[in-house]
């Protein structure tokens, strides 16, 4: 399958998953839905690896990094994402994930010493201004609600969504260590999703959350779509693109998906952004696109070196 088709598949699927998550809200606790989603996804990936004749067992040296990746990417990030969408429109959560483009080079700087350019800092400043414009009115209303004795759930949702972006970024950086130990993308994905599922299941049990099977057809439609398309196919397309065109170009998916999410929210969630919100989204997305056009630094991360060699 050609790279443009893989790119389109990842963008269309991930652009719609933020809305698809709303189909799973309300029937069971968010953590339970996450257990169902990634339990099914990891089982599918393990089955695929068995069909390919892969040996599923991996040494502890690799497992510890996959455990960390799973807890960050498929546990903390998704628990925060699902919970935040109880209070925020899915499109707003999707736009916040654009900030991962800036969190990632900062993490790479801390872990690998990769230099940060002035272009990235300027683009980050513009993007933050865009996010402020995007959320100014809801935050203002939420703050007034808190002062008048309300709950301010919007601010809770915003904080959880930001935590989700940071956790996802940490998980992406840990992938560097996973790739140093194993080049089997699908098997390492299966194990990471498995460990993430175990972590969320333990969290749900400790909090006394009930594991039951919802009867609503839309819930099961959302579960199958998120597990097979959003978790298996989209991640498979993304990692294949990284092998072919490199992470610097593949990350453009993160610029396109929020646009699709906003359009879906307008159509399906009756989201009606005003002029300030539209301008904030344009600032945020354009600053990310500008940052991504910057030439790659001379010093590459271990992940990029491995990809170039493979």
Protein backbone atom coordinates (compact mmCIF):
# COMPACT_ATOMS: atom_id res chain seq x y z
CA UNK A 1 0.00 0.00 0.00
CA UNK A 2 1.40 3.41 -0.98
CA UNK A 3 2.51 5.98 1.60
CA UNK A 4 -0.16 8.59 0.64
CA UNK A 5 -2.89 5.99 1.20
CA UNK A 6 -1.42 5.00 4.57
CA UNK A 7 -1.22 8.68 5.52
CA UNK A 8 -4.87 9.22 4.56
CA UNK A 9 -5.97 6.12 6.47
CA UNK A 10 -4.24 7.23 9.67
CA UNK A 11 -5.61 10.79 9.40
CA UNK A 12 -9.20 9.73 8.71
CA UNK A 13 -9.25 7.09 11.44
CA UNK A 14 -7.56 9.13 14.17
CA UNK A 15 -9.54 12.22 13.19
CA UNK A 16 -12.74 10.30 13.91
CA UNK A 17 -11.68 8.40 17.03
CA UNK A 18 -12.11 11.42 19.31
CA UNK A 19 -15.80 11.49 18.39
CA UNK A 20 -16.07 7.68 18.48
CA UNK A 21 -14.94 7.79 22.11
CA UNK A 22 -18.16 9.67 22.95
CA UNK A 23 -20.11 6.56 21.86
CA UNK A 24 -18.61 4.70 24.81
CA UNK A 25 -19.37 7.29 27.47
CA UNK A 26 -22.18 6.74 29.96
CA UNK A 27 -22.67 2.96 29.83
CA UNK A 28 -19.69 1.96 31.96
CA UNK A 29 -16.82 3.82 33.60
CA UNK A 30 -14.23 5.22 31.15
CA UNK A 31 -11.54 2.91 32.55
CA UNK A 32 -13.70 -0.14 31.87
CA UNK A 33 -14.23 0.93 28.25
CA UNK A 34 -10.47 1.35 27.87
CA UNK A 35 -9.90 -2.19 29.20
CA UNK A 36 -12.36 -3.54 26.63
CA UNK A 37 -10.81 -1.50 23.81
CA UNK A 38 -7.15 -2.32 24.31
CA UNK A 39 -7.83 -5.84 25.53
CA UNK A 40 -9.48 -6.55 22.19
CA UNK A 41 -6.78 -4.67 20.26
CA UNK A 42 -3.88 -6.47 21.97
CA UNK A 43 -5.56 -9.86 21.49
CA UNK A 44 -5.96 -9.09 17.79
CA UNK A 45 -2.30 -8.11 17.48
CA UNK A 46 -1.10 -11.21 19.35
CA UNK A 47 -3.23 -13.39 17.06
CA UNK A 48 -1.74 -11.68 14.00
CA UNK A 49 1.79 -12.23 15.31
CA UNK A 50 1.03 -15.92 15.89
CA UNK A 51 -0.24 -16.24 12.32
CA UNK A 52 3.02 -14.71 11.11
CA UNK A 53 4.96 -17.28 13.15
CA UNK A 54 6.42 -14.76 15.62
CA UNK A 55 7.65 -15.91 19.00
CA UNK A 56 5.51 -14.00 21.51
CA UNK A 57 7.81 -14.27 24.50
CA UNK A 58 10.24 -11.36 24.90
CA UNK A 59 13.08 -10.84 27.40
CA UNK A 60 12.57 -8.73 30.52
CA UNK A 61 15.00 -6.12 29.19
CA UNK A 62 12.44 -5.31 26.49
CA UNK A 63 9.36 -5.95 28.61
CA UNK A 64 10.20 -3.25 31.14
CA UNK A 65 10.26 -0.59 28.43
CA UNK A 66 7.04 -1.91 26.90
CA UNK A 67 5.42 -1.81 30.33
CA UNK A 68 6.40 1.84 30.70
CA UNK A 69 5.19 2.62 27.19
CA UNK A 70 1.90 0.81 27.83
CA UNK A 71 1.23 2.58 31.14
CA UNK A 72 1.99 6.01 29.66
CA UNK A 73 0.40 5.67 26.21
CA UNK A 74 -2.44 3.21 26.65
CA UNK A 75 -3.30 3.67 30.34
CA UNK A 76 -2.72 7.18 31.74
CA UNK A 77 -3.21 8.97 28.43
CA UNK A 78 -6.44 7.23 27.51
CA UNK A 79 -7.96 7.33 31.01
CA UNK A 80 -7.39 11.09 30.96
CA UNK A 81 -8.71 11.40 27.39
CA UNK A 82 -11.90 9.40 27.98
CA UNK A 83 -12.61 11.21 31.25
CA UNK A 84 -11.94 14.64 29.76
CA UNK A 85 -14.45 14.03 26.98
CA UNK A 86 -17.14 13.79 29.63
CA UNK A 87 -16.65 17.55 30.10
CA UNK A 88 -15.18 18.78 26.79
CA UNK A 89 -16.28 18.57 23.17
CA UNK A 90 -14.15 15.94 21.42
CA UNK A 91 -12.83 18.48 18.89
CA UNK A 92 -11.23 20.57 21.65
CA UNK A 93 -9.45 17.52 23.05
CA UNK A 94 -8.18 16.69 19.56
CA UNK A 95 -6.79 20.20 19.08
CA UNK A 96 -4.95 19.99 22.40
CA UNK A 97 -3.15 16.86 21.18
CA UNK A 98 -1.43 19.07 18.59
CA UNK A 99 0.73 20.27 21.49
CA UNK A 100 2.48 16.88 21.42
CA UNK A 101 4.49 18.22 18.50
CA UNK A 102 6.12 20.60 21.00
CA UNK A 103 6.24 18.29 24.04
CA UNK A 104 8.14 15.67 21.99
CA UNK A 105 11.23 17.76 21.11
CA UNK A 106 11.36 18.99 24.71
CA UNK A 107 11.40 15.38 25.95
CA UNK A 108 13.99 14.47 23.31
CA UNK A 109 16.09 17.38 24.56
CA UNK A 110 15.89 16.13 28.14
CA UNK A 111 16.58 12.47 27.28
CA UNK A 112 18.87 12.63 24.24
CA UNK A 113 20.24 16.17 24.13
CA UNK A 114 18.56 16.97 20.79
CA UNK A 115 18.87 20.75 20.22
CA UNK A 116 15.79 22.99 20.24
CA UNK A 117 15.57 25.63 17.50
CA UNK A 118 14.28 29.20 17.73
CA UNK A 119 11.64 28.29 15.15
CA UNK A 120 10.18 25.69 17.47
CA UNK A 121 10.07 28.07 20.44
CA UNK A 122 8.39 30.78 18.37
CA UNK A 123 5.90 28.31 16.94
CA UNK A 124 5.19 27.02 20.46
CA UNK A 125 4.47 30.56 21.67
CA UNK A 126 2.04 31.15 18.80
CA UNK A 127 0.39 27.81 19.42
CA UNK A 128 -0.09 28.60 23.10
CA UNK A 129 -1.72 31.89 22.12
CA UNK A 130 -4.02 29.92 19.84
CA UNK A 131 -4.97 27.53 22.63
CA UNK A 132 -5.68 30.48 24.96
CA UNK A 133 -8.01 32.03 22.37
CA UNK A 134 -9.66 28.67 21.76
CA UNK A 135 -10.42 28.08 25.44
CA UNK A 136 -10.70 31.66 26.73
CA UNK A 137 -14.48 31.90 26.86
CA UNK A 138 -15.12 28.40 28.27
CA UNK A 139 -12.43 28.93 30.94
CA UNK A 140 -13.92 32.34 31.78
CA UNK A 141 -17.39 30.83 32.19
CA UNK A 142 -16.01 27.89 34.20
CA UNK A 143 -14.14 30.26 36.53
CA UNK A 144 -17.29 32.33 37.10
CA UNK A 145 -19.15 29.08 37.78
CA UNK A 146 -16.57 28.10 40.42
CA UNK A 147 -16.79 31.52 42.10
CA UNK A 148 -20.55 31.18 42.29
CA UNK A 149 -20.26 27.76 43.93
CA UNK A 150 -20.37 25.57 40.81
CA UNK A 151 -18.24 22.54 40.04
CA UNK A 152 -16.06 23.93 37.22
CA UNK A 153 -15.98 20.58 35.45
CA UNK A 154 -14.70 22.23 32.26
CA UNK A 155 -11.41 23.09 33.97
CA UNK A 156 -11.12 19.51 35.21
CA UNK A 157 -11.64 18.25 31.67
CA UNK A 158 -9.07 20.69 30.33
CA UNK A 159 -6.49 19.63 32.90
CA UNK A 160 -7.09 15.94 32.18
CA UNK A 161 -6.75 16.52 28.41
CA UNK A 162 -3.42 18.29 28.93
CA UNK A 163 -2.23 15.42 31.14
CA UNK A 164 -3.19 13.03 28.34
CA UNK A 165 -0.99 14.88 25.85
CA UNK A 166 2.00 14.78 28.20
CA UNK A 167 1.51 11.05 28.95
CA UNK A 168 1.26 10.26 25.22
CA UNK A 169 4.45 12.21 24.59
CA UNK A 170 6.31 10.26 27.28
CA UNK A 171 5.05 7.03 25.73
CA UNK A 172 6.28 8.11 22.29
CA UNK A 173 9.73 8.90 23.67
CA UNK A 174 9.88 5.51 25.43
CA UNK A 175 9.30 3.92 22.00
CA UNK A 176 12.89 4.93 21.28
CA UNK A 177 14.12 2.47 23.90
CA UNK A 178 11.68 -0.22 22.73
CA UNK A 179 12.92 0.11 19.15
CA UNK A 180 16.53 -0.22 20.33
CA UNK A 181 15.66 -3.65 21.72
CA UNK A 182 13.18 -4.99 19.10
CA UNK A 183 12.23 -4.14 15.53
CA UNK A 184 8.97 -6.14 15.60
CA UNK A 185 6.48 -3.24 15.63
CA UNK A 186 3.29 -5.31 15.87
CA UNK A 187 4.55 -7.55 18.66
CA UNK A 188 5.83 -4.64 20.75
CA UNK A 189 2.53 -2.84 20.16
CA UNK A 190 0.65 -5.93 21.35
CA UNK A 191 2.69 -6.14 24.56
CA UNK A 192 2.46 -2.40 25.25
CA UNK A 193 -1.33 -2.48 24.82
CA UNK A 194 -1.48 -5.58 27.03
CA UNK A 195 0.42 -3.88 29.86
CA UNK A 196 -1.68 -0.75 29.46
CA UNK A 197 -4.83 -2.89 29.70
CA UNK A 198 -3.56 -4.59 32.86
CA UNK A 199 -2.73 -1.23 34.47
CA UNK A 200 -6.17 0.25 33.71
CA UNK A 201 -7.94 -2.94 34.85
CA UNK A 202 -6.12 -2.78 38.20
CA UNK A 203 -7.04 0.90 38.53
CA UNK A 204 -10.70 0.15 37.81
CA UNK A 205 -10.83 -2.73 40.29
CA UNK A 206 -9.18 -0.69 43.04
CA UNK A 207 -11.80 2.02 42.51
CA UNK A 208 -14.65 -0.47 42.66
CA UNK A 209 -15.75 0.10 39.07
CA UNK A 210 -18.13 -2.48 37.68
CA UNK A 211 -17.17 -4.63 34.70
CA UNK A 212 -20.36 -5.29 32.78
CA UNK A 213 -21.28 -5.61 29.12
CA UNK A 214 -23.42 -2.74 27.83
CA UNK A 215 -26.40 -3.55 25.63
CA UNK A 216 -26.43 -0.39 23.50
CA UNK A 217 -25.48 -1.22 19.86
CA UNK A 218 -23.72 2.12 19.37
CA UNK A 219 -21.40 1.29 22.27
CA UNK A 220 -20.30 -1.95 20.60
CA UNK A 221 -19.95 -0.24 17.24
CA UNK A 222 -17.68 2.34 18.88
CA UNK A 223 -15.71 -0.37 20.69
CA UNK A 224 -15.04 -2.39 17.54
CA UNK A 225 -14.13 0.72 15.56
CA UNK A 226 -11.77 2.04 18.25
CA UNK A 227 -10.16 -1.36 18.88
CA UNK A 228 -9.62 -2.56 15.33
CA UNK A 229 -9.43 0.65 13.33
CA UNK A 230 -8.32 3.24 15.87
CA UNK A 231 -5.83 1.01 17.69
CA UNK A 232 -4.64 -1.72 15.29
CA UNK A 233 -4.97 -0.33 11.75
CA UNK A 234 -4.17 3.33 12.48
CA UNK A 235 -1.12 2.56 14.62
CA UNK A 236 0.02 0.01 12.04
CA UNK A 237 -0.25 2.59 9.25
CA UNK A 238 1.55 5.18 11.36
CA UNK A 239 4.50 2.98 12.27
CA UNK A 240 4.78 1.80 8.66
CA UNK A 241 4.95 5.44 7.57
CA UNK A 242 7.71 6.11 10.08
CA UNK A 243 9.73 3.30 8.49
CA UNK A 244 9.16 4.70 5.00
CA UNK A 245 9.27 8.51 5.31
CA UNK A 246 10.65 9.14 8.79
CA UNK A 247 9.08 10.52 11.94
CA UNK A 248 9.51 14.18 10.93
CA UNK A 249 7.07 13.77 8.02
CA UNK A 250 4.78 11.16 9.58
CA UNK A 251 4.02 13.52 12.46
CA UNK A 252 2.09 15.74 10.02
CA UNK A 253 -0.78 13.37 10.79
CA UNK A 254 -1.08 15.26 14.06
CA UNK A 255 -1.87 18.45 12.16
CA UNK A 256 -4.57 16.96 9.93
CA UNK A 257 -6.50 14.91 12.49
CA UNK A 258 -7.76 17.88 14.60
CA UNK A 259 -9.25 19.45 11.47
CA UNK A 260 -11.25 16.28 10.82
CA UNK A 261 -12.26 16.12 14.49
CA UNK A 262 -13.55 19.70 14.46
CA UNK A 263 -15.60 19.08 11.30
CA UNK A 264 -17.10 15.93 12.83
CA UNK A 265 -17.94 17.75 16.07
CA UNK A 266 -19.71 20.50 14.14
CA UNK A 267 -21.74 17.89 12.29
CA UNK A 268 -22.35 15.31 15.03
CA UNK A 269 -21.99 17.14 18.38
CA UNK A 270 -23.51 20.47 17.33
CA UNK A 271 -20.28 22.25 18.22
CA UNK A 272 -20.48 25.88 17.05
CA UNK A 273 -17.13 27.65 17.45
CA UNK A 274 -17.19 31.45 17.30
CA UNK A 275 -14.74 33.76 15.52
CA UNK A 276 -12.31 33.72 18.45
CA UNK A 277 -12.32 29.90 18.58
CA UNK A 278 -11.78 29.59 14.82
CA UNK A 279 -8.89 32.05 14.98
CA UNK A 280 -7.38 30.13 17.91
CA UNK A 281 -7.58 26.85 15.99
CA UNK A 282 -5.99 28.44 12.91
CA UNK A 283 -3.15 29.86 15.02
CA UNK A 284 -2.56 26.54 16.74
CA UNK A 285 -2.57 24.37 13.62
CA UNK A 286 -0.61 26.82 11.43
CA UNK A 287 2.10 27.20 14.09
CA UNK A 288 2.49 23.42 14.23
CA UNK A 289 2.72 23.19 10.43
CA UNK A 290 5.37 25.94 10.46
CA UNK A 291 7.38 24.19 13.17
CA UNK A 292 7.28 20.90 11.25
CA UNK A 293 8.71 22.55 8.14
CA UNK A 294 11.89 23.32 10.00
CA UNK A 295 14.97 21.39 8.82
CA UNK A 296 15.85 18.41 10.97
CA UNK A 297 18.60 19.09 13.51
CA UNK A 298 22.03 17.75 12.75
CA UNK A 299 21.91 15.47 15.74
CA UNK A 300 19.21 12.83 15.41
CA UNK A 301 17.59 10.85 18.16
CA UNK A 302 18.40 7.14 18.52
CA UNK A 303 15.00 6.29 17.08
CA UNK A 304 15.65 8.31 13.92
CA UNK A 305 19.09 6.72 13.55
CA UNK A 306 17.60 3.25 13.81
CA UNK A 307 14.89 4.08 11.29
CA UNK A 308 17.44 5.42 8.81
CA UNK A 309 19.47 2.23 9.17
CA UNK A 310 16.49 -0.13 8.76
